[in-house]
């Protein structure tokens, strides 16, 4: 099943655990893990905060769309996307059509606990980061749900246990889609 499983793309808000879960899932599947933000940084030689400062969010989102297009074409990877990757319809299409999308759904309290001390998150460098997270969640949650094949709540269990649960869901999802495609061929 692992060899036939398409690439897995993780979406969700900042602090949902996309990088942590992605690394563990990639190890479990014997695949390469890629974080789209790290990829953008390696391609530009600048960190995300610098890109936001110099090019604004619009400039960063253009770079992100190019990266998502390229990365979603790579075979058999586990990709953690940035929290805002789903804002562009083009990115949602790339993700949905080119792999299995898993939405790691983290409540705002979980996001706050995991991001409150992180100075590398440009969108949170505001007087009221909780309000920012709530506003982002209300805008982005419907987009995450739209693109997701699987929705996993986060913040309630240990990462390794969550990866085990996710593997079960991936197996069930893949068996279901594999059976459907076999039925369509007959």
N, C-alpha and C. Protein backbone atom coordinates (compact mmCIF):
# COMPACT_ATOMS: atom_id res chain seq x y z
N UNK A 1 0.82 -1.19 0.00
CA UNK A 1 0.00 0.00 0.00
C UNK A 1 0.86 1.25 0.00
N UNK A 2 1.95 1.27 0.76
CA UNK A 2 2.78 2.48 0.89
C UNK A 2 3.33 2.92 -0.47
N UNK A 3 3.81 1.96 -1.28
CA UNK A 3 4.38 2.32 -2.58
C UNK A 3 3.32 2.94 -3.48
N UNK A 4 2.08 2.48 -3.38
CA UNK A 4 1.02 2.96 -4.26
C UNK A 4 0.35 4.23 -3.75
N UNK A 5 0.51 4.53 -2.47
CA UNK A 5 -0.11 5.71 -1.87
C UNK A 5 0.47 6.96 -2.52
N UNK A 6 -0.38 7.85 -2.99
CA UNK A 6 0.15 9.09 -3.57
C UNK A 6 0.80 9.96 -2.49
N UNK A 7 1.37 11.06 -2.90
CA UNK A 7 1.95 12.00 -1.95
C UNK A 7 0.87 12.43 -0.95
N UNK A 8 1.33 12.77 0.25
CA UNK A 8 0.43 13.24 1.31
C UNK A 8 0.77 14.69 1.60
N UNK A 9 -0.24 15.55 1.56
CA UNK A 9 -0.06 16.98 1.78
C UNK A 9 -0.81 17.38 3.05
N UNK A 10 -0.10 17.99 3.98
CA UNK A 10 -0.69 18.42 5.25
C UNK A 10 -1.02 19.90 5.19
N UNK A 11 -2.26 20.24 5.51
CA UNK A 11 -2.70 21.63 5.57
C UNK A 11 -3.26 21.90 6.95
N UNK A 12 -3.33 23.15 7.32
CA UNK A 12 -3.90 23.52 8.60
C UNK A 12 -3.26 24.80 9.10
N UNK A 13 -3.77 25.33 10.20
CA UNK A 13 -3.26 26.60 10.72
C UNK A 13 -1.87 26.45 11.32
N UNK A 14 -1.21 27.59 11.53
CA UNK A 14 0.08 27.56 12.22
C UNK A 14 -0.13 26.96 13.61
N UNK A 15 0.81 26.14 14.01
CA UNK A 15 0.70 25.51 15.32
C UNK A 15 -0.12 24.23 15.33
N UNK A 16 -0.59 23.78 14.17
CA UNK A 16 -1.39 22.55 14.12
C UNK A 16 -0.53 21.30 14.23
N UNK A 17 0.77 21.44 13.97
CA UNK A 17 1.66 20.29 14.04
C UNK A 17 2.02 19.70 12.69
N UNK A 18 1.87 20.48 11.63
CA UNK A 18 2.13 19.95 10.29
C UNK A 18 3.57 19.47 10.13
N UNK A 19 4.53 20.20 10.66
CA UNK A 19 5.93 19.80 10.53
C UNK A 19 6.22 18.58 11.40
N UNK A 20 5.78 18.60 12.64
CA UNK A 20 6.03 17.48 13.54
C UNK A 20 5.38 16.20 13.01
N UNK A 21 4.10 16.28 12.67
CA UNK A 21 3.39 15.10 12.15
C UNK A 21 3.96 14.70 10.80
N UNK A 22 4.28 15.68 9.98
CA UNK A 22 4.83 15.39 8.65
C UNK A 22 6.13 14.61 8.72
N UNK A 23 7.03 15.01 9.61
CA UNK A 23 8.30 14.28 9.75
C UNK A 23 8.08 12.85 10.20
N UNK A 24 7.22 12.69 11.20
CA UNK A 24 6.94 11.34 11.71
C UNK A 24 6.24 10.48 10.66
N UNK A 25 5.30 11.07 9.94
CA UNK A 25 4.58 10.33 8.89
C UNK A 25 5.53 9.93 7.77
N UNK A 26 6.40 10.85 7.36
CA UNK A 26 7.37 10.54 6.30
C UNK A 26 8.26 9.38 6.72
N UNK A 27 8.70 9.39 7.96
CA UNK A 27 9.54 8.30 8.46
C UNK A 27 8.77 6.98 8.42
N UNK A 28 7.53 7.02 8.88
CA UNK A 28 6.67 5.82 8.89
C UNK A 28 6.47 5.27 7.47
N UNK A 29 6.31 6.17 6.51
CA UNK A 29 6.06 5.77 5.12
C UNK A 29 7.35 5.52 4.33
N UNK A 30 8.49 5.89 4.91
CA UNK A 30 9.76 5.76 4.19
C UNK A 30 9.86 6.75 3.04
N UNK A 31 9.39 7.96 3.29
CA UNK A 31 9.35 8.99 2.25
C UNK A 31 10.11 10.24 2.66
N UNK A 32 10.32 11.09 1.70
CA UNK A 32 10.96 12.39 1.95
C UNK A 32 9.93 13.35 2.52
N UNK A 33 10.35 14.10 3.55
CA UNK A 33 9.51 15.14 4.12
C UNK A 33 9.98 16.49 3.59
N UNK A 34 9.02 17.33 3.20
CA UNK A 34 9.32 18.67 2.74
C UNK A 34 8.35 19.64 3.42
N UNK A 35 8.90 20.73 3.95
CA UNK A 35 8.10 21.81 4.50
C UNK A 35 8.14 22.93 3.47
N UNK A 36 7.00 23.38 2.98
CA UNK A 36 6.99 24.37 1.89
C UNK A 36 7.65 25.69 2.31
N UNK A 37 7.50 26.09 3.57
CA UNK A 37 8.16 27.32 4.01
C UNK A 37 9.67 27.17 3.99
N UNK A 38 10.17 26.03 4.47
CA UNK A 38 11.62 25.78 4.44
C UNK A 38 12.12 25.74 3.00
N UNK A 39 11.30 25.15 2.12
CA UNK A 39 11.67 25.06 0.71
C UNK A 39 11.79 26.47 0.12
N UNK A 40 10.83 27.32 0.41
CA UNK A 40 10.87 28.71 -0.09
C UNK A 40 12.11 29.41 0.44
N UNK A 41 12.41 29.22 1.71
CA UNK A 41 13.60 29.84 2.30
C UNK A 41 14.87 29.34 1.61
N UNK A 42 14.93 28.04 1.31
CA UNK A 42 16.14 27.50 0.67
C UNK A 42 16.28 28.01 -0.77
N UNK A 43 15.17 28.24 -1.44
CA UNK A 43 15.19 28.73 -2.81
C UNK A 43 15.55 30.22 -2.89
N UNK A 44 15.16 30.98 -1.87
CA UNK A 44 15.39 32.42 -1.91
C UNK A 44 16.62 32.86 -1.13
N UNK A 45 17.06 32.03 -0.21
CA UNK A 45 18.17 32.41 0.66
C UNK A 45 17.77 33.42 1.72
N UNK A 46 16.46 33.53 1.94
CA UNK A 46 15.95 34.48 2.94
C UNK A 46 14.86 33.79 3.75
N UNK A 47 14.70 34.21 5.02
CA UNK A 47 13.63 33.60 5.81
C UNK A 47 12.29 34.25 5.50
N UNK A 48 11.23 33.57 5.93
CA UNK A 48 9.86 34.01 5.61
C UNK A 48 9.60 35.41 6.14
N UNK A 49 10.05 35.70 7.35
CA UNK A 49 9.83 37.03 7.94
C UNK A 49 10.46 38.12 7.05
N UNK A 50 11.65 37.86 6.52
CA UNK A 50 12.32 38.83 5.65
C UNK A 50 11.53 39.02 4.36
N UNK A 51 11.06 37.90 3.78
CA UNK A 51 10.27 37.99 2.54
C UNK A 51 9.02 38.83 2.78
N UNK A 52 8.31 38.56 3.89
CA UNK A 52 7.13 39.36 4.24
C UNK A 52 7.49 40.83 4.38
N UNK A 53 8.61 41.12 5.04
CA UNK A 53 9.01 42.51 5.28
C UNK A 53 9.35 43.23 3.97
N UNK A 54 10.03 42.54 3.07
CA UNK A 54 10.48 43.17 1.82
C UNK A 54 9.44 43.13 0.70
N UNK A 55 8.68 42.05 0.60
CA UNK A 55 7.76 41.87 -0.52
C UNK A 55 6.29 41.92 -0.12
N UNK A 56 6.04 41.94 1.19
CA UNK A 56 4.66 41.91 1.67
C UNK A 56 4.08 40.51 1.54
N UNK A 57 2.86 40.37 2.05
CA UNK A 57 2.22 39.05 1.99
C UNK A 57 1.96 38.63 0.55
N UNK A 58 1.60 39.58 -0.32
CA UNK A 58 1.32 39.25 -1.72
C UNK A 58 2.55 38.65 -2.41
N UNK A 59 3.73 39.24 -2.16
CA UNK A 59 4.96 38.71 -2.74
C UNK A 59 5.27 37.32 -2.23
N UNK A 60 5.07 37.13 -0.93
CA UNK A 60 5.29 35.80 -0.37
C UNK A 60 4.32 34.79 -0.97
N UNK A 61 3.05 35.15 -1.11
CA UNK A 61 2.04 34.21 -1.63
C UNK A 61 2.36 33.80 -3.08
N UNK A 62 2.92 34.72 -3.86
CA UNK A 62 3.33 34.37 -5.24
C UNK A 62 4.43 33.30 -5.19
N UNK A 63 5.40 33.50 -4.32
CA UNK A 63 6.47 32.51 -4.17
C UNK A 63 5.90 31.18 -3.68
N UNK A 64 4.95 31.26 -2.77
CA UNK A 64 4.35 30.06 -2.21
C UNK A 64 3.62 29.26 -3.29
N UNK A 65 2.89 29.93 -4.17
CA UNK A 65 2.16 29.23 -5.24
C UNK A 65 3.14 28.52 -6.18
N UNK A 66 4.24 29.17 -6.52
CA UNK A 66 5.24 28.51 -7.37
C UNK A 66 5.80 27.27 -6.67
N UNK A 67 6.07 27.40 -5.37
CA UNK A 67 6.61 26.27 -4.60
C UNK A 67 5.60 25.14 -4.51
N UNK A 68 4.33 25.45 -4.22
CA UNK A 68 3.30 24.42 -4.10
C UNK A 68 3.11 23.70 -5.43
N UNK A 69 3.13 24.44 -6.52
CA UNK A 69 3.02 23.81 -7.85
C UNK A 69 4.16 22.82 -8.06
N UNK A 70 5.36 23.25 -7.78
CA UNK A 70 6.53 22.38 -7.97
C UNK A 70 6.51 21.18 -7.03
N UNK A 71 6.28 21.43 -5.76
CA UNK A 71 6.36 20.37 -4.76
C UNK A 71 5.26 19.33 -4.90
N UNK A 72 4.06 19.75 -5.29
CA UNK A 72 2.97 18.78 -5.42
C UNK A 72 3.15 17.86 -6.63
N UNK A 73 4.10 18.18 -7.48
CA UNK A 73 4.40 17.29 -8.61
C UNK A 73 5.47 16.25 -8.27
N UNK A 74 6.11 16.40 -7.12
CA UNK A 74 7.13 15.44 -6.69
C UNK A 74 6.43 14.14 -6.27
N UNK A 75 6.97 13.00 -6.68
CA UNK A 75 6.32 11.73 -6.33
C UNK A 75 6.60 11.30 -4.90
N UNK A 76 5.59 10.74 -4.27
CA UNK A 76 5.70 10.07 -2.98
C UNK A 76 6.44 10.87 -1.91
N UNK A 77 5.97 12.08 -1.66
CA UNK A 77 6.53 12.88 -0.57
C UNK A 77 5.46 13.12 0.49
N UNK A 78 5.89 13.61 1.61
CA UNK A 78 4.99 14.15 2.63
C UNK A 78 5.32 15.64 2.69
N UNK A 79 4.32 16.47 2.42
CA UNK A 79 4.51 17.92 2.33
C UNK A 79 3.71 18.62 3.42
N UNK A 80 4.38 19.44 4.21
CA UNK A 80 3.71 20.33 5.15
C UNK A 80 3.64 21.71 4.50
N UNK A 81 2.44 22.21 4.32
CA UNK A 81 2.26 23.51 3.70
C UNK A 81 2.19 24.60 4.76
N UNK A 82 2.39 25.84 4.33
CA UNK A 82 2.20 26.97 5.23
C UNK A 82 0.72 27.14 5.53
N UNK A 83 0.40 27.77 6.64
CA UNK A 83 -0.99 27.93 7.05
C UNK A 83 -1.88 28.63 6.04
N UNK A 84 -1.31 29.56 5.27
CA UNK A 84 -2.10 30.30 4.30
C UNK A 84 -2.06 29.76 2.89
N UNK A 85 -1.45 28.62 2.69
CA UNK A 85 -1.32 28.06 1.34
C UNK A 85 -2.67 27.84 0.67
N UNK A 86 -3.71 27.58 1.46
CA UNK A 86 -5.03 27.30 0.88
C UNK A 86 -5.76 28.55 0.40
N UNK A 87 -5.21 29.73 0.68
CA UNK A 87 -5.88 30.96 0.28
C UNK A 87 -6.00 31.07 -1.24
N UNK A 88 -5.01 30.58 -1.97
CA UNK A 88 -5.04 30.66 -3.43
C UNK A 88 -5.78 29.46 -4.01
N UNK A 89 -6.78 29.73 -4.84
CA UNK A 89 -7.55 28.65 -5.48
C UNK A 89 -6.63 27.71 -6.25
N UNK A 90 -5.62 28.28 -6.87
CA UNK A 90 -4.65 27.49 -7.64
C UNK A 90 -3.95 26.47 -6.74
N UNK A 91 -3.55 26.89 -5.55
CA UNK A 91 -2.90 25.97 -4.61
C UNK A 91 -3.85 24.87 -4.18
N UNK A 92 -5.11 25.24 -3.90
CA UNK A 92 -6.09 24.22 -3.50
C UNK A 92 -6.25 23.18 -4.59
N UNK A 93 -6.26 23.63 -5.82
CA UNK A 93 -6.39 22.69 -6.96
C UNK A 93 -5.17 21.77 -7.04
N UNK A 94 -3.96 22.35 -6.95
CA UNK A 94 -2.73 21.54 -6.99
C UNK A 94 -2.77 20.47 -5.90
N UNK A 95 -3.11 20.88 -4.70
CA UNK A 95 -3.11 19.96 -3.56
C UNK A 95 -4.16 18.86 -3.75
N UNK A 96 -5.35 19.25 -4.04
CA UNK A 96 -6.48 18.30 -4.13
C UNK A 96 -6.29 17.29 -5.26
N UNK A 97 -5.75 17.74 -6.38
CA UNK A 97 -5.65 16.88 -7.56
C UNK A 97 -4.39 16.01 -7.58
N UNK A 98 -3.38 16.37 -6.81
CA UNK A 98 -2.08 15.70 -6.95
C UNK A 98 -1.69 14.81 -5.78
N UNK A 99 -2.56 14.66 -4.79
CA UNK A 99 -2.22 13.81 -3.65
C UNK A 99 -3.38 13.70 -2.69
N UNK A 100 -3.10 13.16 -1.52
CA UNK A 100 -4.09 13.06 -0.46
C UNK A 100 -3.84 14.22 0.51
N UNK A 101 -4.87 15.02 0.74
CA UNK A 101 -4.74 16.19 1.60
C UNK A 101 -5.32 15.86 2.98
N UNK A 102 -4.49 16.10 3.99
CA UNK A 102 -4.90 15.90 5.37
C UNK A 102 -4.94 17.26 6.06
N UNK A 103 -6.10 17.59 6.59
CA UNK A 103 -6.28 18.84 7.34
C UNK A 103 -6.06 18.55 8.81
N UNK A 104 -5.00 19.12 9.37
CA UNK A 104 -4.74 19.03 10.81
C UNK A 104 -5.44 20.21 11.46
N UNK A 105 -6.56 19.93 12.08
CA UNK A 105 -7.45 20.96 12.61
C UNK A 105 -7.11 21.23 14.08
N UNK A 106 -6.49 22.36 14.34
CA UNK A 106 -6.09 22.75 15.70
C UNK A 106 -6.96 23.90 16.18
N UNK A 107 -7.60 23.75 17.33
CA UNK A 107 -8.35 24.87 17.90
C UNK A 107 -7.43 26.06 18.20
N UNK A 108 -8.00 27.24 18.28
CA UNK A 108 -7.21 28.45 18.51
C UNK A 108 -6.40 28.35 19.81
N UNK A 109 -6.94 27.75 20.86
CA UNK A 109 -6.18 27.60 22.11
C UNK A 109 -4.90 26.80 21.90
N UNK A 110 -4.99 25.74 21.11
CA UNK A 110 -3.81 24.92 20.80
C UNK A 110 -2.82 25.75 19.99
N UNK A 111 -3.32 26.49 19.00
CA UNK A 111 -2.44 27.34 18.20
C UNK A 111 -1.72 28.36 19.08
N UNK A 112 -2.46 28.98 19.99
CA UNK A 112 -1.85 29.98 20.89
C UNK A 112 -0.74 29.36 21.73
N UNK A 113 -1.02 28.21 22.30
CA UNK A 113 -0.04 27.55 23.16
C UNK A 113 1.23 27.21 22.38
N UNK A 114 1.09 26.86 21.12
CA UNK A 114 2.23 26.42 20.33
C UNK A 114 2.96 27.55 19.61
N UNK A 115 2.33 28.70 19.46
CA UNK A 115 2.96 29.78 18.67
C UNK A 115 3.23 31.06 19.44
N UNK A 116 2.77 31.16 20.67
CA UNK A 116 2.82 32.45 21.38
C UNK A 116 4.23 33.01 21.56
N UNK A 117 5.23 32.16 21.64
CA UNK A 117 6.61 32.64 21.86
C UNK A 117 7.44 32.65 20.58
N UNK A 118 6.82 32.27 19.46
CA UNK A 118 7.55 32.13 18.21
C UNK A 118 7.60 33.46 17.46
N UNK A 119 8.76 34.09 17.44
CA UNK A 119 8.92 35.40 16.79
C UNK A 119 9.11 35.29 15.28
N UNK A 120 9.17 34.06 14.75
CA UNK A 120 9.39 33.90 13.31
C UNK A 120 8.09 33.87 12.52
N UNK A 121 6.97 34.12 13.16
CA UNK A 121 5.67 34.10 12.49
C UNK A 121 5.20 35.53 12.26
N UNK A 122 5.42 36.06 11.05
CA UNK A 122 5.13 37.48 10.80
C UNK A 122 3.69 37.89 11.06
N UNK A 123 2.75 37.03 10.79
CA UNK A 123 1.34 37.41 10.97
C UNK A 123 0.96 37.58 12.44
N UNK A 124 1.77 37.02 13.35
CA UNK A 124 1.44 37.11 14.77
C UNK A 124 2.17 38.23 15.50
N UNK A 125 2.96 39.00 14.78
CA UNK A 125 3.69 40.10 15.42
C UNK A 125 2.79 41.32 15.52
N UNK A 126 1.68 41.14 16.24
CA UNK A 126 0.66 42.15 16.44
C UNK A 126 0.32 42.20 17.93
N UNK A 127 -0.35 43.27 18.38
CA UNK A 127 -0.69 43.38 19.81
C UNK A 127 -1.62 42.27 20.33
N UNK A 128 -2.49 41.73 19.47
CA UNK A 128 -3.45 40.72 19.92
C UNK A 128 -3.37 39.47 19.03
N UNK A 129 -2.36 38.61 19.26
CA UNK A 129 -2.21 37.43 18.40
C UNK A 129 -3.40 36.47 18.46
N UNK A 130 -4.08 36.38 19.61
CA UNK A 130 -5.26 35.49 19.70
C UNK A 130 -6.33 35.91 18.70
N UNK A 131 -6.58 37.21 18.61
CA UNK A 131 -7.58 37.70 17.64
C UNK A 131 -7.14 37.39 16.22
N UNK A 132 -5.86 37.56 15.95
CA UNK A 132 -5.33 37.24 14.61
C UNK A 132 -5.61 35.77 14.31
N UNK A 133 -5.27 34.88 15.25
CA UNK A 133 -5.48 33.44 15.04
C UNK A 133 -6.96 33.11 14.86
N UNK A 134 -7.83 33.75 15.65
CA UNK A 134 -9.27 33.52 15.51
C UNK A 134 -9.77 33.99 14.14
N UNK A 135 -9.33 35.16 13.72
CA UNK A 135 -9.74 35.68 12.42
C UNK A 135 -9.23 34.79 11.29
N UNK A 136 -7.97 34.39 11.37
CA UNK A 136 -7.40 33.52 10.34
C UNK A 136 -8.16 32.19 10.29
N UNK A 137 -8.45 31.64 11.46
CA UNK A 137 -9.16 30.36 11.52
C UNK A 137 -10.54 30.46 10.87
N UNK A 138 -11.27 31.55 11.17
CA UNK A 138 -12.62 31.68 10.60
C UNK A 138 -12.58 31.82 9.08
N UNK A 139 -11.54 32.44 8.55
CA UNK A 139 -11.41 32.60 7.10
C UNK A 139 -10.92 31.31 6.45
N UNK A 140 -9.93 30.67 7.06
CA UNK A 140 -9.24 29.54 6.43
C UNK A 140 -9.88 28.17 6.67
N UNK A 141 -10.57 28.00 7.80
CA UNK A 141 -11.15 26.69 8.11
C UNK A 141 -12.02 26.15 6.96
N UNK A 142 -12.92 26.95 6.37
CA UNK A 142 -13.72 26.43 5.26
C UNK A 142 -12.85 26.01 4.06
N UNK A 143 -11.74 26.71 3.85
CA UNK A 143 -10.85 26.36 2.73
C UNK A 143 -10.09 25.07 3.01
N UNK A 144 -9.64 24.89 4.26
CA UNK A 144 -8.99 23.63 4.63
C UNK A 144 -9.96 22.47 4.42
N UNK A 145 -11.19 22.66 4.86
CA UNK A 145 -12.20 21.60 4.72
C UNK A 145 -12.51 21.31 3.25
N UNK A 146 -12.54 22.35 2.44
CA UNK A 146 -12.82 22.19 1.01
C UNK A 146 -11.77 21.32 0.32
N UNK A 147 -10.53 21.50 0.70
CA UNK A 147 -9.43 20.81 0.01
C UNK A 147 -9.13 19.43 0.62
N UNK A 148 -9.56 19.19 1.85
CA UNK A 148 -9.16 17.99 2.59
C UNK A 148 -9.86 16.72 2.13
N UNK A 149 -9.08 15.66 2.06
CA UNK A 149 -9.63 14.31 1.91
C UNK A 149 -9.86 13.69 3.28
N UNK A 150 -9.01 14.07 4.24
CA UNK A 150 -9.07 13.56 5.61
C UNK A 150 -8.93 14.75 6.56
N UNK A 151 -9.76 14.78 7.62
CA UNK A 151 -9.66 15.82 8.64
C UNK A 151 -9.28 15.15 9.96
N UNK A 152 -8.17 15.62 10.55
CA UNK A 152 -7.67 15.08 11.82
C UNK A 152 -7.61 16.19 12.86
N UNK A 153 -8.35 16.06 13.97
CA UNK A 153 -8.20 17.04 15.05
C UNK A 153 -6.83 16.89 15.71
N UNK A 154 -6.23 18.00 16.11
CA UNK A 154 -4.93 17.95 16.78
C UNK A 154 -5.03 18.56 18.16
N UNK A 155 -3.98 18.33 18.95
CA UNK A 155 -3.91 18.91 20.27
C UNK A 155 -4.50 18.04 21.36
N UNK A 156 -4.92 16.84 21.01
CA UNK A 156 -5.57 15.96 21.99
C UNK A 156 -4.77 14.70 22.31
N UNK A 157 -3.69 14.45 21.56
CA UNK A 157 -2.92 13.23 21.76
C UNK A 157 -1.46 13.47 21.38
N UNK A 158 -0.62 12.50 21.71
CA UNK A 158 0.79 12.60 21.37
C UNK A 158 0.99 12.45 19.86
N UNK A 159 2.02 13.10 19.31
CA UNK A 159 2.25 13.04 17.86
C UNK A 159 2.36 11.61 17.31
N UNK A 160 3.08 10.73 17.97
CA UNK A 160 3.22 9.36 17.45
C UNK A 160 1.88 8.64 17.41
N UNK A 161 1.06 8.86 18.41
CA UNK A 161 -0.27 8.25 18.41
C UNK A 161 -1.12 8.83 17.28
N UNK A 162 -0.99 10.12 17.07
CA UNK A 162 -1.72 10.77 15.99
C UNK A 162 -1.31 10.21 14.62
N UNK A 163 0.00 9.98 14.45
CA UNK A 163 0.48 9.41 13.19
C UNK A 163 -0.08 8.00 13.00
N UNK A 164 -0.17 7.25 14.06
CA UNK A 164 -0.77 5.91 13.99
C UNK A 164 -2.23 6.00 13.54
N UNK A 165 -2.97 6.95 14.13
CA UNK A 165 -4.36 7.15 13.73
C UNK A 165 -4.44 7.60 12.26
N UNK A 166 -3.54 8.47 11.87
CA UNK A 166 -3.53 8.96 10.50
C UNK A 166 -3.21 7.83 9.52
N UNK A 167 -2.28 6.95 9.88
CA UNK A 167 -1.96 5.80 9.02
C UNK A 167 -3.21 4.94 8.81
N UNK A 168 -4.00 4.73 9.85
CA UNK A 168 -5.24 3.96 9.72
C UNK A 168 -6.19 4.66 8.75
N UNK A 169 -6.31 5.98 8.88
CA UNK A 169 -7.21 6.71 7.99
C UNK A 169 -6.69 6.71 6.55
N UNK A 170 -5.39 6.83 6.38
CA UNK A 170 -4.82 6.78 5.03
C UNK A 170 -5.07 5.41 4.40
N UNK A 171 -4.88 4.35 5.18
CA UNK A 171 -5.14 3.01 4.67
C UNK A 171 -6.60 2.86 4.27
N UNK A 172 -7.51 3.31 5.11
CA UNK A 172 -8.94 3.22 4.81
C UNK A 172 -9.28 4.07 3.59
N UNK A 173 -8.75 5.28 3.53
CA UNK A 173 -9.02 6.16 2.40
C UNK A 173 -8.48 5.56 1.11
N UNK A 174 -7.25 5.06 1.17
CA UNK A 174 -6.64 4.51 -0.04
C UNK A 174 -7.36 3.25 -0.48
N UNK A 175 -7.73 2.38 0.47
CA UNK A 175 -8.47 1.16 0.12
C UNK A 175 -9.79 1.52 -0.55
N UNK A 176 -10.46 2.56 -0.03
CA UNK A 176 -11.73 3.00 -0.58
C UNK A 176 -11.56 3.55 -2.00
N UNK A 177 -10.57 4.42 -2.21
CA UNK A 177 -10.37 4.99 -3.54
C UNK A 177 -9.81 3.96 -4.50
N UNK A 178 -8.96 3.05 -4.00
CA UNK A 178 -8.40 2.01 -4.84
C UNK A 178 -9.50 1.07 -5.32
N UNK A 179 -10.42 0.70 -4.45
CA UNK A 179 -11.54 -0.17 -4.81
C UNK A 179 -12.43 0.53 -5.82
N UNK A 180 -12.68 1.82 -5.60
CA UNK A 180 -13.51 2.59 -6.52
C UNK A 180 -12.87 2.63 -7.90
N UNK A 181 -11.56 2.86 -7.97
CA UNK A 181 -10.92 2.93 -9.28
C UNK A 181 -10.91 1.57 -9.96
N UNK A 182 -10.76 0.47 -9.19
CA UNK A 182 -10.81 -0.86 -9.77
C UNK A 182 -12.21 -1.14 -10.31
N UNK A 183 -13.25 -0.74 -9.55
CA UNK A 183 -14.61 -0.95 -9.99
C UNK A 183 -14.89 -0.21 -11.28
N UNK A 184 -14.33 0.98 -11.40
CA UNK A 184 -14.55 1.78 -12.61
C UNK A 184 -13.85 1.18 -13.82
N UNK A 185 -12.79 0.40 -13.61
CA UNK A 185 -12.06 -0.18 -14.72
C UNK A 185 -12.75 -1.43 -15.28
N UNK A 186 -13.57 -2.06 -14.46
CA UNK A 186 -14.21 -3.31 -14.89
C UNK A 186 -15.45 -3.06 -15.70
